[in-house]
C-alpha atoms as a PDB file:
ATOM      1  CA  UNK A   1       0.000   0.000   0.000  1.00  0.00           C
ATOM      2  CA  UNK A   2       0.992   3.638  -0.231  1.00  0.00           C
ATOM      3  CA  UNK A   3       2.037   5.062   3.158  1.00  0.00           C
ATOM      4  CA  UNK A   4       3.089   8.587   4.059  1.00  0.00           C
ATOM      5  CA  UNK A   5       5.529   8.534   6.974  1.00  0.00           C
ATOM      6  CA  UNK A   6       6.567  11.465   9.124  1.00  0.00           C
ATOM      7  CA  UNK A   7       9.602  11.382  11.392  1.00  0.00           C
ATOM      8  CA  UNK A   8      11.339   8.932   9.044  1.00  0.00           C
ATOM      9  CA  UNK A   9      14.810  10.192   9.985  1.00  0.00           C
ATOM     10  CA  UNK A  10      14.188   9.627  13.698  1.00  0.00           C
ATOM     11  CA  UNK A  11      14.705   6.675  16.016  1.00  0.00           C
ATOM     12  CA  UNK A  12      11.370   4.927  15.540  1.00  0.00           C
ATOM     13  CA  UNK A  13      10.530   6.364  12.124  1.00  0.00           C
ATOM     14  CA  UNK A  14      13.705   5.066  10.508  1.00  0.00           C
ATOM     15  CA  UNK A  15      12.973   1.528  11.708  1.00  0.00           C
ATOM     16  CA  UNK A  16       9.391   1.761  10.427  1.00  0.00           C
ATOM     17  CA  UNK A  17      10.728   3.037   7.098  1.00  0.00           C
ATOM     18  CA  UNK A  18      12.996   0.007   6.797  1.00  0.00           C
ATOM     19  CA  UNK A  19      10.051  -2.298   7.513  1.00  0.00           C
ATOM     20  CA  UNK A  20       7.814  -0.570   4.965  1.00  0.00           C
ATOM     21  CA  UNK A  21      10.419  -0.703   2.201  1.00  0.00           C
ATOM     22  CA  UNK A  22      11.397  -4.316   2.840  1.00  0.00           C
ATOM     23  CA  UNK A  23       7.732  -5.326   2.757  1.00  0.00           C
ATOM     24  CA  UNK A  24       7.068  -3.781  -0.637  1.00  0.00           C
ATOM     25  CA  UNK A  25       5.082  -0.688   0.340  1.00  0.00           C
ATOM     26  CA  UNK A  26       5.137   2.554  -1.639  1.00  0.00           C
ATOM     27  CA  UNK A  27       6.573   5.038   0.840  1.00  0.00           C
ATOM     28  CA  UNK A  28       6.429   8.826   0.904  1.00  0.00           C
ATOM     29  CA  UNK A  29       8.349  10.609   3.640  1.00  0.00           C
ATOM     30  CA  UNK A  30       8.172  14.155   4.943  1.00  0.00           C
ATOM     31  CA  UNK A  31      11.321  15.597   6.486  1.00  0.00           C
ATOM     32  CA  UNK A  32      12.956  18.872   7.357  1.00  0.00           C
ATOM     33  CA  UNK A  33      15.576  20.092   4.877  1.00  0.00           C
ATOM     34  CA  UNK A  34      18.053  20.117   7.782  1.00  0.00           C
ATOM     35  CA  UNK A  35      17.365  16.506   8.820  1.00  0.00           C
ATOM     36  CA  UNK A  36      20.321  14.146   9.166  1.00  0.00           C
ATOM     37  CA  UNK A  37      19.759  11.171   6.872  1.00  0.00           C
ATOM     38  CA  UNK A  38      22.310   8.803   8.440  1.00  0.00           C
ATOM     39  CA  UNK A  39      19.638   6.424   9.767  1.00  0.00           C
ATOM     40  CA  UNK A  40      17.925   6.002   6.389  1.00  0.00           C
ATOM     41  CA  UNK A  41      20.722   6.460   3.867  1.00  0.00           C
ATOM     42  CA  UNK A  42      20.420   2.833   2.762  1.00  0.00           C
ATOM     43  CA  UNK A  43      16.764   3.297   1.749  1.00  0.00           C
ATOM     44  CA  UNK A  44      16.594   6.924   0.662  1.00  0.00           C
ATOM     45  CA  UNK A  45      16.591   6.058  -3.052  1.00  0.00           C
ATOM     46  CA  UNK A  46      13.679   3.652  -2.616  1.00  0.00           C
ATOM     47  CA  UNK A  47      11.216   6.216  -1.253  1.00  0.00           C
ATOM     48  CA  UNK A  48       9.759   9.531  -2.370  1.00  0.00           C
ATOM     49  CA  UNK A  49      11.104  12.385  -0.238  1.00  0.00           C
ATOM     50  CA  UNK A  50       9.580  15.805   0.409  1.00  0.00           C
ATOM     51  CA  UNK A  51      10.879  18.604   2.602  1.00  0.00           C
ATOM     52  CA  UNK A  52       8.196  20.037   4.868  1.00  0.00           C
ATOM     53  CA  UNK A  53       9.843  23.436   4.579  1.00  0.00           C
ATOM     54  CA  UNK A  54       7.636  23.636   1.501  1.00  0.00           C
ATOM     55  CA  UNK A  55       3.850  23.814   1.478  1.00  0.00           C
ATOM     56  CA  UNK A  56       2.617  20.377   2.528  1.00  0.00           C
ATOM     57  CA  UNK A  57      -0.780  21.167   1.021  1.00  0.00           C
ATOM     58  CA  UNK A  58       0.625  20.632  -2.475  1.00  0.00           C
ATOM     59  CA  UNK A  59       2.395  17.443  -1.330  1.00  0.00           C
ATOM     60  CA  UNK A  60      -0.823  15.883  -0.023  1.00  0.00           C
ATOM     61  CA  UNK A  61      -2.710  16.882  -3.184  1.00  0.00           C
ATOM     62  CA  UNK A  62      -0.106  15.144  -5.332  1.00  0.00           C
ATOM     63  CA  UNK A  63       0.365  11.987  -3.269  1.00  0.00           C
ATOM     64  CA  UNK A  64      -3.117  11.459  -1.774  1.00  0.00           C
ATOM     65  CA  UNK A  65      -1.883   8.829   0.721  1.00  0.00           C
ATOM     66  CA  UNK A  66      -4.582   6.464   2.025  1.00  0.00           C
ATOM     67  CA  UNK A  67      -2.478   5.808   5.146  1.00  0.00           C
ATOM     68  CA  UNK A  68      -0.386   8.182   7.240  1.00  0.00           C
ATOM     69  CA  UNK A  69       1.968   6.947   9.965  1.00  0.00           C
ATOM     70  CA  UNK A  70       2.824   9.923  12.133  1.00  0.00           C
ATOM     71  CA  UNK A  71       5.953   9.574  14.293  1.00  0.00           C
ATOM     72  CA  UNK A  72       7.405  13.088  14.042  1.00  0.00           C
ATOM     73  CA  UNK A  73       7.588  14.906  17.347  1.00  0.00           C
ATOM     74  CA  UNK A  74       9.653  17.288  19.444  1.00  0.00           C
ATOM     75  CA  UNK A  75      10.625  16.201  22.953  1.00  0.00           C
ATOM     76  CA  UNK A  76      12.077  19.492  24.125  1.00  0.00           C
ATOM     77  CA  UNK A  77      15.481  18.035  25.010  1.00  0.00           C
ATOM     78  CA  UNK A  78      17.359  20.800  23.198  1.00  0.00           C
ATOM     79  CA  UNK A  79      15.809  23.640  25.187  1.00  0.00           C
ATOM     80  CA  UNK A  80      13.088  24.215  22.624  1.00  0.00           C
ATOM     81  CA  UNK A  81      10.387  26.614  23.750  1.00  0.00           C
ATOM     82  CA  UNK A  82       6.869  25.531  24.615  1.00  0.00           C
ATOM     83  CA  UNK A  83       5.701  27.284  21.462  1.00  0.00           C
ATOM     84  CA  UNK A  84       8.091  25.239  19.316  1.00  0.00           C
ATOM     85  CA  UNK A  85       6.955  21.995  20.924  1.00  0.00           C
ATOM     86  CA  UNK A  86       3.276  22.861  20.444  1.00  0.00           C
ATOM     87  CA  UNK A  87       3.932  23.860  16.829  1.00  0.00           C
ATOM     88  CA  UNK A  88       5.491  20.482  16.038  1.00  0.00           C
ATOM     89  CA  UNK A  89       3.449  18.137  18.222  1.00  0.00           C
ATOM     90  CA  UNK A  90       0.042  19.750  17.810  1.00  0.00           C
ATOM     91  CA  UNK A  91      -0.160  22.258  14.971  1.00  0.00           C
ATOM     92  CA  UNK A  92       1.778  20.216  12.425  1.00  0.00           C
ATOM     93  CA  UNK A  93      -0.198  17.083  13.269  1.00  0.00           C
ATOM     94  CA  UNK A  94      -3.506  18.922  12.873  1.00  0.00           C
ATOM     95  CA  UNK A  95      -2.464  20.382   9.518  1.00  0.00           C
ATOM     96  CA  UNK A  96      -1.274  16.969   8.320  1.00  0.00           C
ATOM     97  CA  UNK A  97      -4.499  15.272   9.368  1.00  0.00           C
ATOM     98  CA  UNK A  98      -6.777  17.901   7.882  1.00  0.00           C
ATOM     99  CA  UNK A  99      -4.952  18.041   4.548  1.00  0.00           C
ATOM    100  CA  UNK A 100      -4.871  14.256   4.423  1.00  0.00           C
ATOM    101  CA  UNK A 101      -8.615  14.117   5.074  1.00  0.00           C
ATOM    102  CA  UNK A 102      -9.173  16.443   2.139  1.00  0.00           C
ATOM    103  CA  UNK A 103      -7.097  14.200  -0.119  1.00  0.00           C
ATOM    104  CA  UNK A 104      -8.323  10.658   0.335  1.00  0.00           C
ATOM    105  CA  UNK A 105      -6.886   9.719   3.727  1.00  0.00           C
ATOM    106  CA  UNK A 106      -8.449   6.534   5.111  1.00  0.00           C
ATOM    107  CA  UNK A 107      -6.269   5.722   8.156  1.00  0.00           C
ATOM    108  CA  UNK A 108      -4.178   7.895  10.455  1.00  0.00           C
ATOM    109  CA  UNK A 109      -1.781   5.971  12.712  1.00  0.00           C
ATOM    110  CA  UNK A 110      -0.511   8.215  15.490  1.00  0.00           C
ATOM    111  CA  UNK A 111       2.488   7.603  17.721  1.00  0.00           C
ATOM    112  CA  UNK A 112       1.646   8.639  21.268  1.00  0.00           C
ATOM    113  CA  UNK A 113       3.057   8.324  24.778  1.00  0.00           C
ATOM    114  CA  UNK A 114       1.937   6.680  28.005  1.00  0.00           C
ATOM    115  CA  UNK A 115       3.310   9.576  30.038  1.00  0.00           C
ATOM    116  CA  UNK A 116       0.676  11.486  32.033  1.00  0.00           C
ATOM    117  CA  UNK A 117      -0.091  14.826  30.422  1.00  0.00           C
ATOM    118  CA  UNK A 118       0.933  16.619  33.618  1.00  0.00           C
ATOM    119  CA  UNK A 119       4.593  15.522  33.370  1.00  0.00           C
ATOM    120  CA  UNK A 120       5.844  18.183  30.949  1.00  0.00           C
ATOM    121  CA  UNK A 121       4.977  20.207  27.868  1.00  0.00           C
ATOM    122  CA  UNK A 122       5.848  17.253  25.629  1.00  0.00           C
ATOM    123  CA  UNK A 123       3.306  14.925  27.234  1.00  0.00           C
ATOM    124  CA  UNK A 124       0.787  17.775  27.424  1.00  0.00           C
ATOM    125  CA  UNK A 125       1.155  18.464  23.704  1.00  0.00           C
ATOM    126  CA  UNK A 126       0.726  14.779  22.844  1.00  0.00           C
ATOM    127  CA  UNK A 127      -2.470  14.748  24.898  1.00  0.00           C
ATOM    128  CA  UNK A 128      -3.751  17.828  23.076  1.00  0.00           C
ATOM    129  CA  UNK A 129      -3.221  16.226  19.674  1.00  0.00           C
ATOM    130  CA  UNK A 130      -4.810  12.962  20.837  1.00  0.00           C
ATOM    131  CA  UNK A 131      -7.906  14.878  21.914  1.00  0.00           C
ATOM    132  CA  UNK A 132      -8.077  16.545  18.506  1.00  0.00           C
ATOM    133  CA  UNK A 133      -7.865  13.202  16.692  1.00  0.00           C
ATOM    134  CA  UNK A 134     -10.644  11.598  18.667  1.00  0.00           C
ATOM    135  CA  UNK A 135     -12.921  14.504  17.879  1.00  0.00           C
ATOM    136  CA  UNK A 136     -12.296  13.954  14.157  1.00  0.00           C
ATOM    137  CA  UNK A 137     -12.471  10.187  13.878  1.00  0.00           C
ATOM    138  CA  UNK A 138     -15.841   9.955  12.108  1.00  0.00           C
ATOM    139  CA  UNK A 139     -14.439  10.244   8.582  1.00  0.00           C
ATOM    140  CA  UNK A 140     -10.978   8.723   9.087  1.00  0.00           C
ATOM    141  CA  UNK A 141      -9.883   5.606  10.940  1.00  0.00           C
ATOM    142  CA  UNK A 142      -7.756   6.627  13.933  1.00  0.00           C
ATOM    143  CA  UNK A 143      -5.194   4.233  15.399  1.00  0.00           C
ATOM    144  CA  UNK A 144      -3.489   5.819  18.409  1.00  0.00           C
ATOM    145  CA  UNK A 145      -0.506   3.847  19.720  1.00  0.00           C
ATOM    146  CA  UNK A 146       0.781   4.803  23.165  1.00  0.00           C
ATOM    147  CA  UNK A 147       4.341   3.551  23.593  1.00  0.00           C
ATOM    148  CA  UNK A 148       6.172   3.106  26.864  1.00  0.00           C
ATOM    149  CA  UNK A 149       9.949   3.406  27.332  1.00  0.00           C
ATOM    150  CA  UNK A 150      11.542   2.360  24.028  1.00  0.00           C
ATOM    151  CA  UNK A 151      15.158   1.444  23.369  1.00  0.00           C
ATOM    152  CA  UNK A 152      17.350  -0.063  20.656  1.00  0.00           C
ATOM    153  CA  UNK A 153      19.714   0.854  17.850  1.00  0.00           C
ATOM    154  CA  UNK A 154      19.529   4.269  16.204  1.00  0.00           C
ATOM    155  CA  UNK A 155      18.319   5.816  19.454  1.00  0.00           C
ATOM    156  CA  UNK A 156      19.154   9.433  20.215  1.00  0.00           C
ATOM    157  CA  UNK A 157      22.281  10.302  22.183  1.00  0.00           C
ATOM    158  CA  UNK A 158      19.955  12.332  24.381  1.00  0.00           C
ATOM    159  CA  UNK A 159      17.879   9.353  25.481  1.00  0.00           C
ATOM    160  CA  UNK A 160      18.014   8.580  29.191  1.00  0.00           C
ATOM    161  CA  UNK A 161      19.442   5.081  28.750  1.00  0.00           C
ATOM    162  CA  UNK A 162      22.228   6.041  26.327  1.00  0.00           C
ATOM    163  CA  UNK A 163      23.129   9.087  28.396  1.00  0.00           C
ATOM    164  CA  UNK A 164      23.342   6.912  31.510  1.00  0.00           C
ATOM    165  CA  UNK A 165      25.444   4.198  29.847  1.00  0.00           C
ATOM    166  CA  UNK A 166      27.945   6.741  28.525  1.00  0.00           C
ATOM    167  CA  UNK A 167      28.074   8.481  31.886  1.00  0.00           C
ATOM    168  CA  UNK A 168      28.804   5.203  33.661  1.00  0.00           C
ATOM    169  CA  UNK A 169      31.547   4.327  31.170  1.00  0.00           C
ATOM    170  CA  UNK A 170      33.206   7.727  30.825  1.00  0.00           C
ATOM    171  CA  UNK A 171      32.768   9.352  34.221  1.00  0.00           C
ATOM    172  CA  UNK A 172      34.492   8.446  37.461  1.00  0.00           C
ATOM    173  CA  UNK A 173      32.207  10.630  39.560  1.00  0.00           C
ATOM    174  CA  UNK A 174      29.117   9.486  41.407  1.00  0.00           C
ATOM    175  CA  UNK A 175      25.819   9.356  39.551  1.00  0.00           C
ATOM    176  CA  UNK A 176      22.830  10.870  41.325  1.00  0.00           C
ATOM    177  CA  UNK A 177      19.503   9.149  40.709  1.00  0.00           C
ATOM    178  CA  UNK A 178      16.043   8.982  42.203  1.00  0.00           C
ATOM    179  CA  UNK A 179      15.202   5.864  44.208  1.00  0.00           C
ATOM    180  CA  UNK A 180      14.139   4.482  40.793  1.00  0.00           C
ATOM    181  CA  UNK A 181      11.177   2.631  42.263  1.00  0.00           C
ATOM    182  CA  UNK A 182       8.953   3.744  39.374  1.00  0.00           C
ATOM    183  CA  UNK A 183       7.839   0.941  37.091  1.00  0.00           C
ATOM    184  CA  UNK A 184       8.787   0.973  33.433  1.00  0.00           C
ATOM    185  CA  UNK A 185       7.934  -1.424  30.625  1.00  0.00           C
ATOM    186  CA  UNK A 186      11.058  -1.289  28.485  1.00  0.00           C
ATOM    187  CA  UNK A 187      10.256  -2.291  24.905  1.00  0.00           C
ATOM    188  CA  UNK A 188      12.708  -2.813  22.056  1.00  0.00           C
ATOM    189  CA  UNK A 189      12.199  -0.833  18.859  1.00  0.00           C
ATOM    190  CA  UNK A 190      12.053  -4.074  16.836  1.00  0.00           C
ATOM    191  CA  UNK A 191       9.029  -5.181  18.841  1.00  0.00           C
ATOM    192  CA  UNK A 192       7.435  -1.767  18.370  1.00  0.00           C
ATOM    193  CA  UNK A 193       7.923  -1.924  14.594  1.00  0.00           C
ATOM    194  CA  UNK A 194       6.447  -5.412  14.425  1.00  0.00           C
ATOM    195  CA  UNK A 195       3.327  -4.031  16.142  1.00  0.00           C
ATOM    196  CA  UNK A 196       3.005  -1.304  13.491  1.00  0.00           C
ATOM    197  CA  UNK A 197       3.354  -4.004  10.836  1.00  0.00           C
ATOM    198  CA  UNK A 198       0.549  -6.055  12.344  1.00  0.00           C
ATOM    199  CA  UNK A 199      -1.654  -2.959  12.520  1.00  0.00           C
ATOM    200  CA  UNK A 200      -1.099  -2.287   8.804  1.00  0.00           C
ATOM    201  CA  UNK A 201      -2.008  -5.863   7.929  1.00  0.00           C
ATOM    202  CA  UNK A 202      -5.202  -5.725   9.995  1.00  0.00           C
ATOM    203  CA  UNK A 203      -6.655  -2.305   9.196  1.00  0.00           C
ATOM    204  CA  UNK A 204      -9.905  -3.861   8.002  1.00  0.00           C
ATOM    205  CA  UNK A 205     -10.283  -5.696  11.321  1.00  0.00           C
ATOM    206  CA  UNK A 206      -9.645  -2.673  13.535  1.00  0.00           C
ATOM    207  CA  UNK A 207     -12.385  -0.298  14.760  1.00  0.00           C
ATOM    208  CA  UNK A 208     -12.766   3.176  13.304  1.00  0.00           C
ATOM    209  CA  UNK A 209     -11.250   4.501  16.530  1.00  0.00           C
ATOM    210  CA  UNK A 210      -8.758   2.628  18.686  1.00  0.00           C
ATOM    211  CA  UNK A 211      -6.429   3.908  21.397  1.00  0.00           C
ATOM    212  CA  UNK A 212      -4.171   1.315  23.005  1.00  0.00           C
ATOM    213  CA  UNK A 213      -0.925   0.962  24.972  1.00  0.00           C
ATOM    214  CA  UNK A 214       2.015  -0.803  23.367  1.00  0.00           C
ATOM    215  CA  UNK A 215       3.779  -2.598  26.212  1.00  0.00           C
ATOM    216  CA  UNK A 216       5.442  -5.948  26.763  1.00  0.00           C
ATOM    217  CA  UNK A 217       3.148  -6.567  29.715  1.00  0.00           C
ATOM    218  CA  UNK A 218       6.123  -7.211  32.002  1.00  0.00           C
ATOM    219  CA  UNK A 219       6.893  -3.953  33.811  1.00  0.00           C
ATOM    220  CA  UNK A 220       9.896  -3.789  36.129  1.00  0.00           C
ATOM    221  CA  UNK A 221      11.244  -1.118  38.421  1.00  0.00           C
ATOM    222  CA  UNK A 222      13.597   1.359  36.806  1.00  0.00           C
ATOM    223  CA  UNK A 223      16.253   0.341  39.327  1.00  0.00           C
ATOM    224  CA  UNK A 224      16.298  -3.179  37.875  1.00  0.00           C
ATOM    225  CA  UNK A 225      16.774  -1.794  34.364  1.00  0.00           C
ATOM    226  CA  UNK A 226      19.680   0.345  35.548  1.00  0.00           C
ATOM    227  CA  UNK A 227      21.306  -2.580  37.336  1.00  0.00           C
ATOM    228  CA  UNK A 228      20.971  -4.701  34.198  1.00  0.00           C
ATOM    229  CA  UNK A 229      22.746  -1.914  32.308  1.00  0.00           C
ATOM    230  CA  UNK A 230      25.587  -1.792  34.835  1.00  0.00           C
ATOM    231  CA  UNK A 231      25.902  -5.581  34.760  1.00  0.00           C
ATOM    232  CA  UNK A 232      26.149  -5.539  30.966  1.00  0.00           C
ATOM    233  CA  UNK A 233      28.745  -2.761  31.129  1.00  0.00           C
ATOM    234  CA  UNK A 234      30.830  -4.724  33.647  1.00  0.00           C
ATOM    235  CA  UNK A 235      30.773  -7.881  31.523  1.00  0.00           C
ATOM    236  CA  UNK A 236      32.091  -6.000  28.511  1.00  0.00           C
ATOM    237  CA  UNK A 237      34.421  -3.422  30.078  1.00  0.00           C
ATOM    238  CA  UNK A 238      35.118  -4.608  33.649  1.00  0.00           C
ATOM    239  CA  UNK A 239      33.960  -1.177  34.799  1.00  0.00           C
ATOM    240  CA  UNK A 240      32.166  -1.719  38.103  1.00  0.00           C
ATOM    241  CA  UNK A 241      29.885   1.256  38.567  1.00  0.00           C
ATOM    242  CA  UNK A 242      27.236   0.061  41.003  1.00  0.00           C
ATOM    243  CA  UNK A 243      28.953   1.712  43.954  1.00  0.00           C
ATOM    244  CA  UNK A 244      28.766   5.052  42.116  1.00  0.00           C
ATOM    245  CA  UNK A 245      25.004   4.868  41.639  1.00  0.00           C
ATOM    246  CA  UNK A 246      23.527   7.023  44.389  1.00  0.00           C
ATOM    247  CA  UNK A 247      19.859   6.054  44.453  1.00  0.00           C
ATOM    248  CA  UNK A 248      17.682   8.567  46.270  1.00  0.00           C
ATOM    249  CA  UNK A 249      19.854  11.646  45.711  1.00  0.00           C
ATOM    250  CA  UNK A 250      17.369  13.124  43.224  1.00  0.00           C
ATOM    251  CA  UNK A 251      13.708  13.875  43.875  1.00  0.00           C
ATOM    252  CA  UNK A 252      11.048  12.362  41.653  1.00  0.00           C
ATOM    253  CA  UNK A 253       9.673  14.804  39.123  1.00  0.00           C
ATOM    254  CA  UNK A 254       6.230  16.189  39.758  1.00  0.00           C
ATOM    255  CA  UNK A 255       3.512  13.821  38.583  1.00  0.00           C
ATOM    256  CA  UNK A 256       5.933  10.918  38.066  1.00  0.00           C
ATOM    257  CA  UNK A 257       4.243   7.729  36.909  1.00  0.00           C
ATOM    258  CA  UNK A 258       5.153   5.187  39.592  1.00  0.00           C
ATOM    259  CA  UNK A 259       2.915   2.212  38.907  1.00  0.00           C
ATOM    260  CA  UNK A 260       2.014   0.888  35.478  1.00  0.00           C
ATOM    261  CA  UNK A 261      -1.411  -0.580  34.926  1.00  0.00           C
ATOM    262  CA  UNK A 262      -1.453  -1.234  31.195  1.00  0.00           C
ATOM    263  CA  UNK A 263      -1.966  -4.404  29.216  1.00  0.00           C
ATOM    264  CA  UNK A 264      -1.280  -5.432  25.637  1.00  0.00           C
ATOM    265  CA  UNK A 265      -4.576  -7.280  25.172  1.00  0.00           C
ATOM    266  CA  UNK A 266      -5.596  -5.436  22.005  1.00  0.00           C
ATOM    267  CA  UNK A 267      -2.390  -5.799  20.012  1.00  0.00           C
ATOM    268  CA  UNK A 268      -1.947  -9.359  21.304  1.00  0.00           C
ATOM    269  CA  UNK A 269      -5.406 -10.216  19.964  1.00  0.00           C
ATOM    270  CA  UNK A 270      -4.020  -9.453  16.484  1.00  0.00           C
ATOM    271  CA  UNK A 271      -1.181 -11.951  16.960  1.00  0.00           C
ATOM    272  CA  UNK A 272       1.568  -9.675  18.298  1.00  0.00           C
ATOM    273  CA  UNK A 273       3.937 -10.610  21.079  1.00  0.00           C
ATOM    274  CA  UNK A 274       7.320  -9.151  22.069  1.00  0.00           C
ATOM    275  CA  UNK A 275      10.307 -11.215  21.007  1.00  0.00           C
ATOM    276  CA  UNK A 276      13.260  -9.339  22.525  1.00  0.00           C
ATOM    277  CA  UNK A 277      14.175 -10.612  25.993  1.00  0.00           C
ATOM    278  CA  UNK A 278      14.935  -7.699  28.339  1.00  0.00           C
ATOM    279  CA  UNK A 279      18.324  -8.943  29.570  1.00  0.00           C
ATOM    280  CA  UNK A 280      19.504 -10.015  26.114  1.00  0.00           C
ATOM    281  CA  UNK A 281      18.234  -6.797  24.570  1.00  0.00           C
ATOM    282  CA  UNK A 282      20.082  -4.659  27.108  1.00  0.00           C
ATOM    283  CA  UNK A 283      23.311  -6.638  26.652  1.00  0.00           C
ATOM    284  CA  UNK A 284      23.155  -6.089  22.893  1.00  0.00           C
ATOM    285  CA  UNK A 285      22.210  -2.427  23.366  1.00  0.00           C
ATOM    286  CA  UNK A 286      25.189  -1.788  25.663  1.00  0.00           C
ATOM    287  CA  UNK A 287      27.561  -3.634  23.324  1.00  0.00           C
ATOM    288  CA  UNK A 288      26.545  -1.371  20.449  1.00  0.00           C
ATOM    289  CA  UNK A 289      27.226   1.730  22.524  1.00  0.00           C
ATOM    290  CA  UNK A 290      30.597   0.494  23.776  1.00  0.00           C
ATOM    291  CA  UNK A 291      31.697  -0.370  20.237  1.00  0.00           C
ATOM    292  CA  UNK A 292      30.488   2.999  18.928  1.00  0.00           C
ATOM    293  CA  UNK A 293      28.291   1.201  16.454  1.00  0.00           C
ATOM    294  CA  UNK A 294      25.085   2.569  14.979  1.00  0.00           C
ATOM    295  CA  UNK A 295      22.811   1.851  17.898  1.00  0.00           C
END
């Protein structure tokens, strides 16, 4: 099928792009003219590319995609203003949806977060766009996928897990952390992409409006994840960092999500199940970082 993909140069989007190309889909991507193409260089000649610096109205009129997968977003990790985050996470999404609806759009697959909207402007903006979509679902099928903590290759250097691994390896100072008693359901990007693939194959069997969490169903405390990271680092570098992890030296952020109460019943009913074991996935993840490979 023809699919328009936003955020194709990003962590998740690049992996979805690879899946779409390898499975014979006709892919159109929207990107900024300044986007770094290193994640998708291998596939760039197999897709149609448009810069969103131009008028996307003309792009949608030309391409008329029946399906849009929307992964583009701004987290605010580079000191972007609230206005910039709202412009990307809300305004751009609304414009994309409305122009798509005017040009034959049948299904809009949105990438969302499980973070409470009160956490920060990023989660608030995602909530605002979600509310907009559900008000407009009558004419277009809406599939809203709320993802928990995702990891894997091609992740951003600014992600919490990569930042922590590099800090453990390169710094000899203590590392201040919260008590890390909050639950997280760490999910590998490969498992996330396989869920998107199953959604695409089952669009005719999915309701006109569906909002579901994408989780492994096996949440663990963040402290366990961090200790698995340090164990993997020790096995590969002999750097023993556990004594430098000062749990409890940082306060939890306001509105922190401590207990997860999500299930994967919906996506599992379509035949999906996670395949990446947490310990094995973390070991591979750490190895990639240590070897300065394209993680």
